[in-house]
């Protein structure tokens, strides 16, 4: 199954898929509102603003699997993101990234290895998966690699220059 064909649901409950972003570069990030890494929302929104006109989007995927750090409802998440960080990028409904209930999107994404060559489970909130305009995983970045880091920015720019 292509990443583009996996059914998704937006934070507002509307059906969607990565197919809506076919031909674009997408940074899929599992996010949480009450995590030490939550301030990464600021840099994610900056990437959205900087590259959106060039065919790029961040796609937030709220997840409550790590320390219960995304306990709120869809409305709570949307309100927090908008009022605290001014988030304008699209957000998915809360989903699981690991385990028996792992969403099919993350079943595919987690097959990609990070810079150290390690694939498999998401280790914490704010892990990032860069999806190429062709719909393949171009890069994977763990939580510690921040959105504004040279590695992330260079990988985005490489995909946008294709």
C-alpha atoms as a PDB file:
ATOM      1  CA  UNK A   1       0.000   0.000   0.000  1.00  0.00           C
ATOM      2  CA  UNK A   2       1.243   3.469  -0.879  1.00  0.00           C
ATOM      3  CA  UNK A   3       1.525   6.105   1.837  1.00  0.00           C
ATOM      4  CA  UNK A   4      -0.896   8.104  -0.313  1.00  0.00           C
ATOM      5  CA  UNK A   5      -3.626   5.457   0.017  1.00  0.00           C
ATOM      6  CA  UNK A   6      -3.733   5.154   3.805  1.00  0.00           C
ATOM      7  CA  UNK A   7      -6.985   6.605   5.171  1.00  0.00           C
ATOM      8  CA  UNK A   8      -6.508   9.337   7.766  1.00  0.00           C
ATOM      9  CA  UNK A   9      -8.798  11.604   9.755  1.00  0.00           C
ATOM     10  CA  UNK A  10      -8.166  15.282  10.458  1.00  0.00           C
ATOM     11  CA  UNK A  11      -8.383  16.764  13.925  1.00  0.00           C
ATOM     12  CA  UNK A  12     -11.808  18.126  12.933  1.00  0.00           C
ATOM     13  CA  UNK A  13     -13.025  14.643  12.000  1.00  0.00           C
ATOM     14  CA  UNK A  14     -12.851  14.969   8.206  1.00  0.00           C
ATOM     15  CA  UNK A  15     -11.498  12.089   6.126  1.00  0.00           C
ATOM     16  CA  UNK A  16      -8.166  12.738   4.429  1.00  0.00           C
ATOM     17  CA  UNK A  17      -5.012  10.967   3.251  1.00  0.00           C
ATOM     18  CA  UNK A  18      -1.468  11.816   2.289  1.00  0.00           C
ATOM     19  CA  UNK A  19      -2.800  11.604  -1.276  1.00  0.00           C
ATOM     20  CA  UNK A  20      -3.960  15.198  -0.753  1.00  0.00           C
ATOM     21  CA  UNK A  21      -0.270  16.130  -0.616  1.00  0.00           C
ATOM     22  CA  UNK A  22       0.873  14.102  -3.623  1.00  0.00           C
ATOM     23  CA  UNK A  23       3.725  15.945  -5.305  1.00  0.00           C
ATOM     24  CA  UNK A  24       4.505  17.884  -2.123  1.00  0.00           C
ATOM     25  CA  UNK A  25       7.062  17.416   0.622  1.00  0.00           C
ATOM     26  CA  UNK A  26       5.479  16.534   3.968  1.00  0.00           C
ATOM     27  CA  UNK A  27       7.037  16.447   7.431  1.00  0.00           C
ATOM     28  CA  UNK A  28       4.894  14.074   9.518  1.00  0.00           C
ATOM     29  CA  UNK A  29       5.468  14.640  13.240  1.00  0.00           C
ATOM     30  CA  UNK A  30       3.938  12.809  16.187  1.00  0.00           C
ATOM     31  CA  UNK A  31       3.100  15.664  18.532  1.00  0.00           C
ATOM     32  CA  UNK A  32       1.972  16.156  22.140  1.00  0.00           C
ATOM     33  CA  UNK A  33       0.837  19.196  24.097  1.00  0.00           C
ATOM     34  CA  UNK A  34       2.396  18.400  27.474  1.00  0.00           C
ATOM     35  CA  UNK A  35       5.878  17.201  26.522  1.00  0.00           C
ATOM     36  CA  UNK A  36       9.271  18.719  27.184  1.00  0.00           C
ATOM     37  CA  UNK A  37       9.685  18.838  23.398  1.00  0.00           C
ATOM     38  CA  UNK A  38       6.363  20.666  22.849  1.00  0.00           C
ATOM     39  CA  UNK A  39       8.183  23.983  22.155  1.00  0.00           C
ATOM     40  CA  UNK A  40       9.246  22.353  18.863  1.00  0.00           C
ATOM     41  CA  UNK A  41       5.819  23.519  17.633  1.00  0.00           C
ATOM     42  CA  UNK A  42       7.370  26.983  17.224  1.00  0.00           C
ATOM     43  CA  UNK A  43      10.044  25.750  14.808  1.00  0.00           C
ATOM     44  CA  UNK A  44       7.571  23.474  13.013  1.00  0.00           C
ATOM     45  CA  UNK A  45       5.309  26.464  12.362  1.00  0.00           C
ATOM     46  CA  UNK A  46       8.318  28.479  11.163  1.00  0.00           C
ATOM     47  CA  UNK A  47       9.113  25.698   8.654  1.00  0.00           C
ATOM     48  CA  UNK A  48       5.480  25.744   7.546  1.00  0.00           C
ATOM     49  CA  UNK A  49       5.571  29.492   6.946  1.00  0.00           C
ATOM     50  CA  UNK A  50       8.971  29.438   5.239  1.00  0.00           C
ATOM     51  CA  UNK A  51       8.352  26.570   2.803  1.00  0.00           C
ATOM     52  CA  UNK A  52       4.571  26.318   2.338  1.00  0.00           C
ATOM     53  CA  UNK A  53       4.648  28.347  -0.886  1.00  0.00           C
ATOM     54  CA  UNK A  54       7.197  25.882  -2.308  1.00  0.00           C
ATOM     55  CA  UNK A  55       5.004  22.802  -1.864  1.00  0.00           C
ATOM     56  CA  UNK A  56       5.759  21.827   1.726  1.00  0.00           C
ATOM     57  CA  UNK A  57       3.618  21.133   4.754  1.00  0.00           C
ATOM     58  CA  UNK A  58       4.058  19.921   8.287  1.00  0.00           C
ATOM     59  CA  UNK A  59       1.425  17.349   9.268  1.00  0.00           C
ATOM     60  CA  UNK A  60       0.907  16.980  13.007  1.00  0.00           C
ATOM     61  CA  UNK A  61      -0.129  13.583  14.371  1.00  0.00           C
ATOM     62  CA  UNK A  62      -1.145  13.876  18.042  1.00  0.00           C
ATOM     63  CA  UNK A  63      -0.311  10.823  20.127  1.00  0.00           C
ATOM     64  CA  UNK A  64      -0.933  10.028  23.803  1.00  0.00           C
ATOM     65  CA  UNK A  65       1.325   6.947  24.023  1.00  0.00           C
ATOM     66  CA  UNK A  66       4.304   8.596  25.707  1.00  0.00           C
ATOM     67  CA  UNK A  67       3.682   9.465  29.334  1.00  0.00           C
ATOM     68  CA  UNK A  68       0.055  10.463  28.630  1.00  0.00           C
ATOM     69  CA  UNK A  69       1.325  13.785  27.272  1.00  0.00           C
ATOM     70  CA  UNK A  70      -1.563  14.328  24.826  1.00  0.00           C
ATOM     71  CA  UNK A  71      -4.604  13.648  27.040  1.00  0.00           C
ATOM     72  CA  UNK A  72      -6.988  16.226  25.606  1.00  0.00           C
ATOM     73  CA  UNK A  73      -9.827  16.036  23.125  1.00  0.00           C
ATOM     74  CA  UNK A  74      -9.488  17.110  19.497  1.00  0.00           C
ATOM     75  CA  UNK A  75     -10.914  20.499  20.493  1.00  0.00           C
ATOM     76  CA  UNK A  76      -8.404  20.829  23.352  1.00  0.00           C
ATOM     77  CA  UNK A  77      -5.505  19.993  21.027  1.00  0.00           C
ATOM     78  CA  UNK A  78      -6.662  22.414  18.315  1.00  0.00           C
ATOM     79  CA  UNK A  79      -7.178  25.226  20.809  1.00  0.00           C
ATOM     80  CA  UNK A  80      -3.807  24.658  22.499  1.00  0.00           C
ATOM     81  CA  UNK A  81      -1.909  24.564  19.199  1.00  0.00           C
ATOM     82  CA  UNK A  82      -3.605  27.655  17.803  1.00  0.00           C
ATOM     83  CA  UNK A  83      -3.467  29.832  20.904  1.00  0.00           C
ATOM     84  CA  UNK A  84      -0.083  28.782  22.322  1.00  0.00           C
ATOM     85  CA  UNK A  85       1.945  28.268  19.139  1.00  0.00           C
ATOM     86  CA  UNK A  86      -0.111  29.820  16.317  1.00  0.00           C
ATOM     87  CA  UNK A  87      -0.140  26.498  14.457  1.00  0.00           C
ATOM     88  CA  UNK A  88      -1.557  26.765  10.935  1.00  0.00           C
ATOM     89  CA  UNK A  89      -0.382  23.423   9.540  1.00  0.00           C
ATOM     90  CA  UNK A  90      -2.840  20.529   9.261  1.00  0.00           C
ATOM     91  CA  UNK A  91      -3.336  18.181  12.177  1.00  0.00           C
ATOM     92  CA  UNK A  92      -4.598  14.618  12.268  1.00  0.00           C
ATOM     93  CA  UNK A  93      -6.878  13.103  14.839  1.00  0.00           C
ATOM     94  CA  UNK A  94      -5.102  11.493  17.786  1.00  0.00           C
ATOM     95  CA  UNK A  95      -3.592   8.143  16.828  1.00  0.00           C
ATOM     96  CA  UNK A  96      -1.211   5.450  18.033  1.00  0.00           C
ATOM     97  CA  UNK A  97       2.298   5.259  16.603  1.00  0.00           C
ATOM     98  CA  UNK A  98       3.439   1.998  18.277  1.00  0.00           C
ATOM     99  CA  UNK A  99       2.033  -1.300  19.470  1.00  0.00           C
ATOM    100  CA  UNK A 100      -0.968  -3.399  18.476  1.00  0.00           C
ATOM    101  CA  UNK A 101      -3.061  -0.302  17.751  1.00  0.00           C
ATOM    102  CA  UNK A 102      -0.371   1.345  15.600  1.00  0.00           C
ATOM    103  CA  UNK A 103      -1.998   3.374  12.844  1.00  0.00           C
ATOM    104  CA  UNK A 104      -1.217   2.029   9.334  1.00  0.00           C
ATOM    105  CA  UNK A 105       0.518   5.331   8.493  1.00  0.00           C
ATOM    106  CA  UNK A 106       3.041   4.763  11.262  1.00  0.00           C
ATOM    107  CA  UNK A 107       3.313   1.060  10.410  1.00  0.00           C
ATOM    108  CA  UNK A 108       4.749   2.265   7.094  1.00  0.00           C
ATOM    109  CA  UNK A 109       6.715   5.276   8.360  1.00  0.00           C
ATOM    110  CA  UNK A 110       8.513   3.348  11.104  1.00  0.00           C
ATOM    111  CA  UNK A 111      10.043   0.985   8.532  1.00  0.00           C
ATOM    112  CA  UNK A 112      12.362   3.880   7.626  1.00  0.00           C
ATOM    113  CA  UNK A 113      15.674   4.126   9.444  1.00  0.00           C
ATOM    114  CA  UNK A 114      17.018   7.215  11.181  1.00  0.00           C
ATOM    115  CA  UNK A 115      20.529   8.640  10.637  1.00  0.00           C
ATOM    116  CA  UNK A 116      21.969   5.920  12.892  1.00  0.00           C
ATOM    117  CA  UNK A 117      20.362   3.227  10.737  1.00  0.00           C
ATOM    118  CA  UNK A 118      17.698   2.319  13.293  1.00  0.00           C
ATOM    119  CA  UNK A 119      14.156   1.635  12.123  1.00  0.00           C
ATOM    120  CA  UNK A 120      11.211   0.444  14.214  1.00  0.00           C
ATOM    121  CA  UNK A 121       9.178   1.973  16.996  1.00  0.00           C
ATOM    122  CA  UNK A 122       8.829   5.682  17.575  1.00  0.00           C
ATOM    123  CA  UNK A 123      10.811   6.386  20.751  1.00  0.00           C
ATOM    124  CA  UNK A 124       9.155   9.602  21.939  1.00  0.00           C
ATOM    125  CA  UNK A 125       7.010  12.571  20.944  1.00  0.00           C
ATOM    126  CA  UNK A 126       8.136  14.871  18.120  1.00  0.00           C
ATOM    127  CA  UNK A 127       9.773  12.226  15.984  1.00  0.00           C
ATOM    128  CA  UNK A 128       9.797  13.483  12.376  1.00  0.00           C
ATOM    129  CA  UNK A 129       9.354  11.652   9.082  1.00  0.00           C
ATOM    130  CA  UNK A 130      10.069  13.516   5.847  1.00  0.00           C
ATOM    131  CA  UNK A 131       7.926  12.241   2.985  1.00  0.00           C
ATOM    132  CA  UNK A 132       9.162  13.030  -0.523  1.00  0.00           C
ATOM    133  CA  UNK A 133       6.970  14.423  -3.303  1.00  0.00           C
ATOM    134  CA  UNK A 134       6.952  10.850  -4.680  1.00  0.00           C
ATOM    135  CA  UNK A 135       5.426   9.501  -1.471  1.00  0.00           C
ATOM    136  CA  UNK A 136       8.435   7.723   0.008  1.00  0.00           C
ATOM    137  CA  UNK A 137      10.134   8.335   3.351  1.00  0.00           C
ATOM    138  CA  UNK A 138      13.180  10.464   2.545  1.00  0.00           C
ATOM    139  CA  UNK A 139      14.443  10.896   6.102  1.00  0.00           C
ATOM    140  CA  UNK A 140      13.628  10.163   9.733  1.00  0.00           C
ATOM    141  CA  UNK A 141      14.633  12.346  12.639  1.00  0.00           C
ATOM    142  CA  UNK A 142      14.367  11.459  16.323  1.00  0.00           C
ATOM    143  CA  UNK A 143      13.025  13.863  18.943  1.00  0.00           C
ATOM    144  CA  UNK A 144      16.437  15.320  19.781  1.00  0.00           C
ATOM    145  CA  UNK A 145      16.889  16.532  16.193  1.00  0.00           C
ATOM    146  CA  UNK A 146      14.956  19.776  16.276  1.00  0.00           C
ATOM    147  CA  UNK A 147      12.954  21.087  13.314  1.00  0.00           C
ATOM    148  CA  UNK A 148      15.322  24.023  12.792  1.00  0.00           C
ATOM    149  CA  UNK A 149      18.445  21.825  12.784  1.00  0.00           C
ATOM    150  CA  UNK A 150      20.663  21.831   9.714  1.00  0.00           C
ATOM    151  CA  UNK A 151      19.874  18.162   9.058  1.00  0.00           C
ATOM    152  CA  UNK A 152      16.126  18.755   8.867  1.00  0.00           C
ATOM    153  CA  UNK A 153      16.344  21.991   6.885  1.00  0.00           C
ATOM    154  CA  UNK A 154      18.796  20.492   4.380  1.00  0.00           C
ATOM    155  CA  UNK A 155      16.626  17.395   3.904  1.00  0.00           C
ATOM    156  CA  UNK A 156      13.543  19.562   3.285  1.00  0.00           C
ATOM    157  CA  UNK A 157      15.382  21.787   0.830  1.00  0.00           C
ATOM    158  CA  UNK A 158      16.730  18.742  -1.021  1.00  0.00           C
ATOM    159  CA  UNK A 159      13.202  17.407  -1.484  1.00  0.00           C
ATOM    160  CA  UNK A 160      11.870  20.818  -2.553  1.00  0.00           C
ATOM    161  CA  UNK A 161      14.580  21.203  -5.187  1.00  0.00           C
ATOM    162  CA  UNK A 162      13.585  17.995  -7.011  1.00  0.00           C
END
